[in-house]
Amino acid sequence: MPRSVPTIGRRIWYWPATNEDDSAEGICLDNSQPYDAGIVYVHADGTVNLGITDHTGDYFTNENVNITDEATPGCAQWMPYQEKKAAEEAAKN
């Protein structure tokens, strides 16, 4: 599947690495739901720095996060809508 290109300001899902209420990864109320995140920096290797909001609305950051194709703890994932749009754009070319 064609990949979306990470750019500053894009919204993305972040899957927390833990389910502990007092972790540096924020408060996760349900492992089946990702956190909301925004890309704040794109590294040359394709990893990103994120501004992340946990399930209670608290904000934290995480650096050098990988973007994966599936829900992977500690990683980011494009939303299905974004994957669909990337596929549509690739089909046009």
PDB file of N, CA and C in Angstrom:
ATOM      1  N   MET A   1       0.855  -1.188   0.000  1.00  0.00           N
ATOM      2  CA  MET A   1       0.000   0.000   0.000  1.00  0.00           C
ATOM      3  C   MET A   1       0.891   1.239   0.000  1.00  0.00           C
ATOM      4  N   PRO A   2       0.556   2.238  -0.775  1.00  0.00           N
ATOM      5  CA  PRO A   2       1.328   3.489  -0.762  1.00  0.00           C
ATOM      6  C   PRO A   2       1.313   4.122   0.623  1.00  0.00           C
ATOM      7  N   ARG A   3       2.417   4.737   0.958  1.00  0.00           N
ATOM      8  CA  ARG A   3       2.538   5.335   2.285  1.00  0.00           C
ATOM      9  C   ARG A   3       2.301   6.833   2.210  1.00  0.00           C
ATOM     10  N   SER A   4       1.650   7.343   3.247  1.00  0.00           N
ATOM     11  CA  SER A   4       1.537   8.786   3.388  1.00  0.00           C
ATOM     12  C   SER A   4       2.911   9.333   3.756  1.00  0.00           C
ATOM     13  N   VAL A   5       3.155  10.545   3.376  1.00  0.00           N
ATOM     14  CA  VAL A   5       4.430  11.191   3.692  1.00  0.00           C
ATOM     15  C   VAL A   5       4.237  12.026   4.950  1.00  0.00           C
ATOM     16  N   PRO A   6       5.062  11.801   5.990  1.00  0.00           N
ATOM     17  CA  PRO A   6       4.911  12.601   7.202  1.00  0.00           C
ATOM     18  C   PRO A   6       5.335  14.046   6.977  1.00  0.00           C
ATOM     19  N   THR A   7       4.490  14.972   7.402  1.00  0.00           N
ATOM     20  CA  THR A   7       4.801  16.393   7.336  1.00  0.00           C
ATOM     21  C   THR A   7       4.327  17.050   8.623  1.00  0.00           C
ATOM     22  N   ILE A   8       4.949  18.142   8.967  1.00  0.00           N
ATOM     23  CA  ILE A   8       4.610  18.867  10.186  1.00  0.00           C
ATOM     24  C   ILE A   8       3.142  19.298  10.133  1.00  0.00           C
ATOM     25  N   GLY A   9       2.440  19.082  11.234  1.00  0.00           N
ATOM     26  CA  GLY A   9       1.043  19.485  11.343  1.00  0.00           C
ATOM     27  C   GLY A   9       0.052  18.378  11.053  1.00  0.00           C
ATOM     28  N   ARG A  10       0.495  17.273  10.444  1.00  0.00           N
ATOM     29  CA  ARG A  10      -0.426  16.170  10.150  1.00  0.00           C
ATOM     30  C   ARG A  10      -0.833  15.468  11.432  1.00  0.00           C
ATOM     31  N   ARG A  11      -2.078  15.027  11.489  1.00  0.00           N
ATOM     32  CA  ARG A  11      -2.588  14.261  12.623  1.00  0.00           C
ATOM     33  C   ARG A  11      -2.319  12.784  12.362  1.00  0.00           C
ATOM     34  N   ILE A  12      -2.078  12.063  13.436  1.00  0.00           N
ATOM     35  CA  ILE A  12      -1.722  10.653  13.334  1.00  0.00           C
ATOM     36  C   ILE A  12      -2.137   9.967  14.632  1.00  0.00           C
ATOM     37  N   TRP A  13      -2.296   8.668  14.610  1.00  0.00           N
ATOM     38  CA  TRP A  13      -2.584   7.919  15.835  1.00  0.00           C
ATOM     39  C   TRP A  13      -1.271   7.520  16.497  1.00  0.00           C
ATOM     40  N   TYR A  14      -1.255   7.553  17.818  1.00  0.00           N
ATOM     41  CA  TYR A  14      -0.112   7.054  18.583  1.00  0.00           C
ATOM     42  C   TYR A  14      -0.600   5.954  19.505  1.00  0.00           C
ATOM     43  N   TRP A  15       0.038   4.804  19.439  1.00  0.00           N
ATOM     44  CA  TRP A  15      -0.320   3.668  20.292  1.00  0.00           C
ATOM     45  C   TRP A  15       0.607   3.649  21.501  1.00  0.00           C
ATOM     46  N   PRO A  16       0.066   3.874  22.699  1.00  0.00           N
ATOM     47  CA  PRO A  16       0.919   3.937  23.894  1.00  0.00           C
ATOM     48  C   PRO A  16       1.636   2.620  24.153  1.00  0.00           C
ATOM     49  N   ALA A  17       2.838   2.737  24.693  1.00  0.00           N
ATOM     50  CA  ALA A  17       3.666   1.567  24.954  1.00  0.00           C
ATOM     51  C   ALA A  17       3.211   0.798  26.187  1.00  0.00           C
ATOM     52  N   THR A  18       2.493   1.461  27.095  1.00  0.00           N
ATOM     53  CA  THR A  18       2.070   0.803  28.322  1.00  0.00           C
ATOM     54  C   THR A  18       0.627   1.138  28.631  1.00  0.00           C
ATOM     55  N   ASN A  19       0.078   0.462  29.624  1.00  0.00           N
ATOM     56  CA  ASN A  19      -1.282   0.730  30.074  1.00  0.00           C
ATOM     57  C   ASN A  19      -1.268   1.188  31.535  1.00  0.00           C
ATOM     58  N   GLU A  20      -0.130   1.692  31.997  1.00  0.00           N
ATOM     59  CA  GLU A  20      -0.020   2.126  33.383  1.00  0.00           C
ATOM     60  C   GLU A  20      -0.468   3.570  33.516  1.00  0.00           C
ATOM     61  N   ASP A  21      -1.331   3.833  34.512  1.00  0.00           N
ATOM     62  CA  ASP A  21      -1.875   5.176  34.686  1.00  0.00           C
ATOM     63  C   ASP A  21      -0.823   6.231  34.983  1.00  0.00           C
ATOM     64  N   ASP A  22       0.283   5.854  35.612  1.00  0.00           N
ATOM     65  CA  ASP A  22       1.275   6.848  36.008  1.00  0.00           C
ATOM     66  C   ASP A  22       2.513   6.830  35.104  1.00  0.00           C
ATOM     67  N   SER A  23       2.409   6.276  33.921  1.00  0.00           N
ATOM     68  CA  SER A  23       3.574   6.167  33.045  1.00  0.00           C
ATOM     69  C   SER A  23       3.857   7.483  32.330  1.00  0.00           C
ATOM     70  N   ALA A  24       5.034   7.569  31.748  1.00  0.00           N
ATOM     71  CA  ALA A  24       5.401   8.734  30.941  1.00  0.00           C
ATOM     72  C   ALA A  24       4.621   8.762  29.637  1.00  0.00           C
ATOM     73  N   GLU A  25       3.892   7.705  29.349  1.00  0.00           N
ATOM     74  CA  GLU A  25       3.102   7.597  28.118  1.00  0.00           C
ATOM     75  C   GLU A  25       1.684   8.091  28.327  1.00  0.00           C
ATOM     76  N   GLY A  26       1.399   8.757  29.411  1.00  0.00           N
ATOM     77  CA  GLY A  26       0.058   9.259  29.651  1.00  0.00           C
ATOM     78  C   GLY A  26      -0.857   8.190  30.230  1.00  0.00           C
ATOM     79  N   ILE A  27      -2.139   8.511  30.292  1.00  0.00           N
ATOM     80  CA  ILE A  27      -3.119   7.594  30.866  1.00  0.00           C
ATOM     81  C   ILE A  27      -3.903   6.932  29.737  1.00  0.00           C
ATOM     82  N   CYS A  28      -3.784   5.612  29.671  1.00  0.00           N
ATOM     83  CA  CYS A  28      -4.472   4.830  28.648  1.00  0.00           C
ATOM     84  C   CYS A  28      -5.681   4.159  29.303  1.00  0.00           C
ATOM     85  N   LEU A  29      -6.876   4.533  28.851  1.00  0.00           N
ATOM     86  CA  LEU A  29      -8.098   3.962  29.404  1.00  0.00           C
ATOM     87  C   LEU A  29      -8.534   2.700  28.671  1.00  0.00           C
ATOM     88  N   ASP A  30      -8.063   2.509  27.449  1.00  0.00           N
ATOM     89  CA  ASP A  30      -8.497   1.386  26.625  1.00  0.00           C
ATOM     90  C   ASP A  30      -7.425   1.110  25.575  1.00  0.00           C
ATOM     91  N   ASN A  31      -6.780  -0.054  25.658  1.00  0.00           N
ATOM     92  CA  ASN A  31      -5.693  -0.387  24.722  1.00  0.00           C
ATOM     93  C   ASN A  31      -6.149  -0.502  23.274  1.00  0.00           C
ATOM     94  N   SER A  32      -7.449  -0.595  23.042  1.00  0.00           N
ATOM     95  CA  SER A  32      -7.936  -0.724  21.667  1.00  0.00           C
ATOM     96  C   SER A  32      -8.103   0.636  20.981  1.00  0.00           C
ATOM     97  N   GLN A  33      -7.872   1.726  21.715  1.00  0.00           N
ATOM     98  CA  GLN A  33      -7.995   3.065  21.140  1.00  0.00           C
ATOM     99  C   GLN A  33      -6.659   3.801  21.234  1.00  0.00           C
ATOM    100  N   PRO A  34      -6.212   4.382  20.112  1.00  0.00           N
ATOM    101  CA  PRO A  34      -4.946   5.118  20.123  1.00  0.00           C
ATOM    102  C   PRO A  34      -5.113   6.492  20.758  1.00  0.00           C
ATOM    103  N   TYR A  35      -3.984   7.133  21.000  1.00  0.00           N
ATOM    104  CA  TYR A  35      -3.974   8.535  21.403  1.00  0.00           C
ATOM    105  C   TYR A  35      -3.999   9.401  20.144  1.00  0.00           C
ATOM    106  N   ASP A  36      -4.472  10.625  20.284  1.00  0.00           N
ATOM    107  CA  ASP A  36      -4.403  11.620  19.223  1.00  0.00           C
ATOM    108  C   ASP A  36      -3.005  12.234  19.257  1.00  0.00           C
ATOM    109  N   ALA A  37      -2.406  12.423  18.079  1.00  0.00           N
ATOM    110  CA  ALA A  37      -1.068  13.007  18.032  1.00  0.00           C
ATOM    111  C   ALA A  37      -0.924  13.901  16.802  1.00  0.00           C
ATOM    112  N   GLY A  38       0.000  14.840  16.905  1.00  0.00           N
ATOM    113  CA  GLY A  38       0.334  15.716  15.796  1.00  0.00           C
ATOM    114  C   GLY A  38       1.830  15.662  15.545  1.00  0.00           C
ATOM    115  N   ILE A  39       2.202  15.633  14.285  1.00  0.00           N
ATOM    116  CA  ILE A  39       3.616  15.613  13.924  1.00  0.00           C
ATOM    117  C   ILE A  39       4.185  17.018  14.097  1.00  0.00           C
ATOM    118  N   VAL A  40       5.248  17.126  14.894  1.00  0.00           N
ATOM    119  CA  VAL A  40       5.873  18.427  15.129  1.00  0.00           C
ATOM    120  C   VAL A  40       7.268  18.526  14.514  1.00  0.00           C
ATOM    121  N   TYR A  41       7.841  17.386  14.100  1.00  0.00           N
ATOM    122  CA  TYR A  41       9.154  17.388  13.443  1.00  0.00           C
ATOM    123  C   TYR A  41       9.316  16.075  12.695  1.00  0.00           C
ATOM    124  N   VAL A  42       9.926  16.131  11.508  1.00  0.00           N
ATOM    125  CA  VAL A  42      10.198  14.936  10.714  1.00  0.00           C
ATOM    126  C   VAL A  42      11.712  14.789  10.581  1.00  0.00           C
ATOM    127  N   HIS A  43      12.240  13.654  11.029  1.00  0.00           N
ATOM    128  CA  HIS A  43      13.669  13.372  10.920  1.00  0.00           C
ATOM    129  C   HIS A  43      13.988  12.819   9.536  1.00  0.00           C
ATOM    130  N   ALA A  44      15.247  12.937   9.130  1.00  0.00           N
ATOM    131  CA  ALA A  44      15.678  12.463   7.813  1.00  0.00           C
ATOM    132  C   ALA A  44      15.431  10.970   7.627  1.00  0.00           C
ATOM    133  N   ASP A  45      15.463  10.207   8.718  1.00  0.00           N
ATOM    134  CA  ASP A  45      15.254   8.754   8.614  1.00  0.00           C
ATOM    135  C   ASP A  45      13.778   8.365   8.569  1.00  0.00           C
ATOM    136  N   GLY A  46      12.879   9.353   8.583  1.00  0.00           N
ATOM    137  CA  GLY A  46      11.450   9.076   8.503  1.00  0.00           C
ATOM    138  C   GLY A  46      10.750   8.962   9.841  1.00  0.00           C
ATOM    139  N   THR A  47      11.519   8.942  10.945  1.00  0.00           N
ATOM    140  CA  THR A  47      10.866   8.969  12.251  1.00  0.00           C
ATOM    141  C   THR A  47      10.359  10.380  12.515  1.00  0.00           C
ATOM    142  N   VAL A  48       9.454  10.502  13.478  1.00  0.00           N
ATOM    143  CA  VAL A  48       8.837  11.798  13.749  1.00  0.00           C
ATOM    144  C   VAL A  48       8.838  12.104  15.239  1.00  0.00           C
ATOM    145  N   ASN A  49       8.800  13.394  15.555  1.00  0.00           N
ATOM    146  CA  ASN A  49       8.540  13.846  16.917  1.00  0.00           C
ATOM    147  C   ASN A  49       7.061  14.186  16.985  1.00  0.00           C
ATOM    148  N   LEU A  50       6.409  13.792  18.067  1.00  0.00           N
ATOM    149  CA  LEU A  50       4.970  13.972  18.194  1.00  0.00           C
ATOM    150  C   LEU A  50       4.589  14.771  19.430  1.00  0.00           C
ATOM    151  N   GLY A  51       3.546  15.571  19.301  1.00  0.00           N
ATOM    152  CA  GLY A  51       2.820  16.144  20.421  1.00  0.00           C
ATOM    153  C   GLY A  51       1.588  15.265  20.596  1.00  0.00           C
ATOM    154  N   ILE A  52       1.451  14.645  21.755  1.00  0.00           N
ATOM    155  CA  ILE A  52       0.455  13.593  21.950  1.00  0.00           C
ATOM    156  C   ILE A  52      -0.514  13.968  23.074  1.00  0.00           C
ATOM    157  N   THR A  53      -1.785  13.660  22.880  1.00  0.00           N
ATOM    158  CA  THR A  53      -2.802  13.838  23.906  1.00  0.00           C
ATOM    159  C   THR A  53      -3.301  12.460  24.337  1.00  0.00           C
ATOM    160  N   ASP A  54      -3.232  12.174  25.648  1.00  0.00           N
ATOM    161  CA  ASP A  54      -3.673  10.865  26.133  1.00  0.00           C
ATOM    162  C   ASP A  54      -5.191  10.806  26.254  1.00  0.00           C
ATOM    163  N   HIS A  55      -5.706   9.732  26.805  1.00  0.00           N
ATOM    164  CA  HIS A  55      -7.153   9.514  26.896  1.00  0.00           C
ATOM    165  C   HIS A  55      -7.864  10.421  27.892  1.00  0.00           C
ATOM    166  N   THR A  56      -7.130  11.147  28.713  1.00  0.00           N
ATOM    167  CA  THR A  56      -7.761  12.087  29.641  1.00  0.00           C
ATOM    168  C   THR A  56      -7.518  13.538  29.234  1.00  0.00           C
ATOM    169  N   GLY A  57      -6.860  13.734  28.090  1.00  0.00           N
ATOM    170  CA  GLY A  57      -6.625  15.084  27.591  1.00  0.00           C
ATOM    171  C   GLY A  57      -5.293  15.680  27.992  1.00  0.00           C
ATOM    172  N   ASP A  58      -4.464  14.935  28.731  1.00  0.00           N
ATOM    173  CA  ASP A  58      -3.140  15.438  29.095  1.00  0.00           C
ATOM    174  C   ASP A  58      -2.204  15.327  27.897  1.00  0.00           C
ATOM    175  N   TYR A  59      -1.272  16.278  27.803  1.00  0.00           N
ATOM    176  CA  TYR A  59      -0.376  16.412  26.663  1.00  0.00           C
ATOM    177  C   TYR A  59       1.041  16.013  27.054  1.00  0.00           C
ATOM    178  N   PHE A  60       1.710  15.283  26.180  1.00  0.00           N
ATOM    179  CA  PHE A  60       3.127  14.985  26.351  1.00  0.00           C
ATOM    180  C   PHE A  60       3.757  14.855  24.971  1.00  0.00           C
ATOM    181  N   THR A  61       5.066  14.740  24.930  1.00  0.00           N
ATOM    182  CA  THR A  61       5.766  14.617  23.654  1.00  0.00           C
ATOM    183  C   THR A  61       6.550  13.312  23.613  1.00  0.00           C
ATOM    184  N   ASN A  62       6.864  12.886  22.416  1.00  0.00           N
ATOM    185  CA  ASN A  62       7.706  11.706  22.218  1.00  0.00           C
ATOM    186  C   ASN A  62       8.531  11.950  20.961  1.00  0.00           C
ATOM    187  N   GLU A  63       9.817  11.607  21.019  1.00  0.00           N
ATOM    188  CA  GLU A  63      10.733  11.861  19.907  1.00  0.00           C
ATOM    189  C   GLU A  63      11.122  10.582  19.192  1.00  0.00           C
ATOM    190  N   ASN A  64      11.475  10.716  17.924  1.00  0.00           N
ATOM    191  CA  ASN A  64      11.968   9.612  17.095  1.00  0.00           C
ATOM    192  C   ASN A  64      11.012   8.417  17.079  1.00  0.00           C
ATOM    193  N   VAL A  65       9.744   8.694  16.822  1.00  0.00           N
ATOM    194  CA  VAL A  65       8.716   7.664  16.793  1.00  0.00           C
ATOM    195  C   VAL A  65       8.619   7.091  15.379  1.00  0.00           C
ATOM    196  N   ASN A  66       8.580   5.772  15.291  1.00  0.00           N
ATOM    197  CA  ASN A  66       8.385   5.105  13.998  1.00  0.00           C
ATOM    198  C   ASN A  66       6.919   5.126  13.617  1.00  0.00           C
ATOM    199  N   ILE A  67       6.648   5.214  12.321  1.00  0.00           N
ATOM    200  CA  ILE A  67       5.290   5.085  11.795  1.00  0.00           C
ATOM    201  C   ILE A  67       5.182   3.686  11.195  1.00  0.00           C
ATOM    202  N   THR A  68       4.232   2.893  11.706  1.00  0.00           N
ATOM    203  CA  THR A  68       4.075   1.513  11.260  1.00  0.00           C
ATOM    204  C   THR A  68       2.739   1.333  10.543  1.00  0.00           C
ATOM    205  N   ASP A  69       2.574   0.177   9.919  1.00  0.00           N
ATOM    206  CA  ASP A  69       1.350  -0.125   9.169  1.00  0.00           C
ATOM    207  C   ASP A  69       0.235  -0.687  10.042  1.00  0.00           C
ATOM    208  N   GLU A  70       0.534  -1.026  11.276  1.00  0.00           N
ATOM    209  CA  GLU A  70      -0.480  -1.595  12.161  1.00  0.00           C
ATOM    210  C   GLU A  70      -0.304  -1.057  13.572  1.00  0.00           C
ATOM    211  N   ALA A  71      -1.281  -1.315  14.425  1.00  0.00           N
ATOM    212  CA  ALA A  71      -1.220  -0.845  15.816  1.00  0.00           C
ATOM    213  C   ALA A  71      -0.061  -1.526  16.531  1.00  0.00           C
ATOM    214  N   THR A  72       0.983  -0.748  16.816  1.00  0.00           N
ATOM    215  CA  THR A  72       2.179  -1.265  17.471  1.00  0.00           C
ATOM    216  C   THR A  72       2.487  -0.384  18.669  1.00  0.00           C
ATOM    217  N   PRO A  73       2.537  -0.954  19.884  1.00  0.00           N
ATOM    218  CA  PRO A  73       2.814  -0.140  21.069  1.00  0.00           C
ATOM    219  C   PRO A  73       4.099   0.673  20.915  1.00  0.00           C
ATOM    220  N   GLY A  74       4.016   1.951  21.257  1.00  0.00           N
ATOM    221  CA  GLY A  74       5.162   2.847  21.178  1.00  0.00           C
ATOM    222  C   GLY A  74       5.412   3.420  19.800  1.00  0.00           C
ATOM    223  N   CYS A  75       4.501   3.153  18.861  1.00  0.00           N
ATOM    224  CA  CYS A  75       4.656   3.631  17.486  1.00  0.00           C
ATOM    225  C   CYS A  75       3.426   4.410  17.044  1.00  0.00           C
ATOM    226  N   ALA A  76       3.575   5.117  15.950  1.00  0.00           N
ATOM    227  CA  ALA A  76       2.474   5.857  15.349  1.00  0.00           C
ATOM    228  C   ALA A  76       1.927   5.070  14.164  1.00  0.00           C
ATOM    229  N   GLN A  77       0.699   5.408  13.786  1.00  0.00           N
ATOM    230  CA  GLN A  77       0.052   4.744  12.654  1.00  0.00           C
ATOM    231  C   GLN A  77      -0.826   5.754  11.935  1.00  0.00           C
ATOM    232  N   TRP A  78      -0.793   5.720  10.588  1.00  0.00           N
ATOM    233  CA  TRP A  78      -1.695   6.565   9.843  1.00  0.00           C
ATOM    234  C   TRP A  78      -3.123   6.108  10.075  1.00  0.00           C
ATOM    235  N   MET A  79      -4.054   7.046  10.061  1.00  0.00           N
ATOM    236  CA  MET A  79      -5.473   6.715  10.182  1.00  0.00           C
ATOM    237  C   MET A  79      -5.942   6.046   8.886  1.00  0.00           C
ATOM    238  N   PRO A  80      -6.949   5.168   8.952  1.00  0.00           N
ATOM    239  CA  PRO A  80      -7.440   4.506   7.739  1.00  0.00           C
ATOM    240  C   PRO A  80      -7.795   5.488   6.626  1.00  0.00           C
ATOM    241  N   TYR A  81      -8.367   6.618   6.970  1.00  0.00           N
ATOM    242  CA  TYR A  81      -8.715   7.631   5.968  1.00  0.00           C
ATOM    243  C   TYR A  81      -7.465   8.095   5.213  1.00  0.00           C
ATOM    244  N   GLN A  82      -6.384   8.321   5.952  1.00  0.00           N
ATOM    245  CA  GLN A  82      -5.149   8.792   5.325  1.00  0.00           C
ATOM    246  C   GLN A  82      -4.559   7.724   4.404  1.00  0.00           C
ATOM    247  N   GLU A  83      -4.626   6.456   4.836  1.00  0.00           N
ATOM    248  CA  GLU A  83      -4.124   5.370   4.000  1.00  0.00           C
ATOM    249  C   GLU A  83      -4.938   5.272   2.707  1.00  0.00           C
ATOM    250  N   LYS A  84      -6.250   5.417   2.827  1.00  0.00           N
ATOM    251  CA  LYS A  84      -7.130   5.365   1.654  1.00  0.00           C
ATOM    252  C   LYS A  84      -6.789   6.497   0.685  1.00  0.00           C
ATOM    253  N   LYS A  85      -6.602   7.717   1.213  1.00  0.00           N
ATOM    254  CA  LYS A  85      -6.271   8.862   0.354  1.00  0.00           C
ATOM    255  C   LYS A  85      -4.927   8.654  -0.345  1.00  0.00           C
ATOM    256  N   ALA A  86      -3.945   8.095   0.361  1.00  0.00           N
ATOM    257  CA  ALA A  86      -2.634   7.839  -0.244  1.00  0.00           C
ATOM    258  C   ALA A  86      -2.765   6.823  -1.370  1.00  0.00           C
ATOM    259  N   ALA A  87      -3.600   5.803  -1.178  1.00  0.00           N
ATOM    260  CA  ALA A  87      -3.818   4.811  -2.222  1.00  0.00           C
ATOM    261  C   ALA A  87      -4.505   5.429  -3.437  1.00  0.00           C
ATOM    262  N   GLU A  88      -5.489   6.302  -3.191  1.00  0.00           N
ATOM    263  CA  GLU A  88      -6.183   6.975  -4.288  1.00  0.00           C
ATOM    264  C   GLU A  88      -5.231   7.862  -5.086  1.00  0.00           C
ATOM    265  N   GLU A  89      -4.381   8.589  -4.396  1.00  0.00           N
ATOM    266  CA  GLU A  89      -3.405   9.463  -5.071  1.00  0.00           C
ATOM    267  C   GLU A  89      -2.423   8.645  -5.906  1.00  0.00           C
ATOM    268  N   ALA A  90      -1.972   7.505  -5.353  1.00  0.00           N
ATOM    269  CA  ALA A  90      -1.032   6.662  -6.087  1.00  0.00           C
ATOM    270  C   ALA A  90      -1.696   6.079  -7.341  1.00  0.00           C
ATOM    271  N   ALA A  91      -2.977   5.766  -7.263  1.00  0.00           N
ATOM    272  CA  ALA A  91      -3.701   5.204  -8.405  1.00  0.00           C
ATOM    273  C   ALA A  91      -3.849   6.221  -9.531  1.00  0.00           C
ATOM    274  N   LYS A  92      -3.876   7.507  -9.188  1.00  0.00           N
ATOM    275  CA  LYS A  92      -3.996   8.560 -10.197  1.00  0.00           C
ATOM    276  C   LYS A  92      -2.721   8.714 -11.006  1.00  0.00           C
ATOM    277  N   ASN A  93      -1.585   8.377 -10.387  1.00  0.00           N
ATOM    278  CA  ASN A  93      -0.280   8.592 -11.039  1.00  0.00           C
ATOM    279  C   ASN A  93       0.158   7.409 -11.851  1.00  0.00           C
TER     280      ASN A  93
END
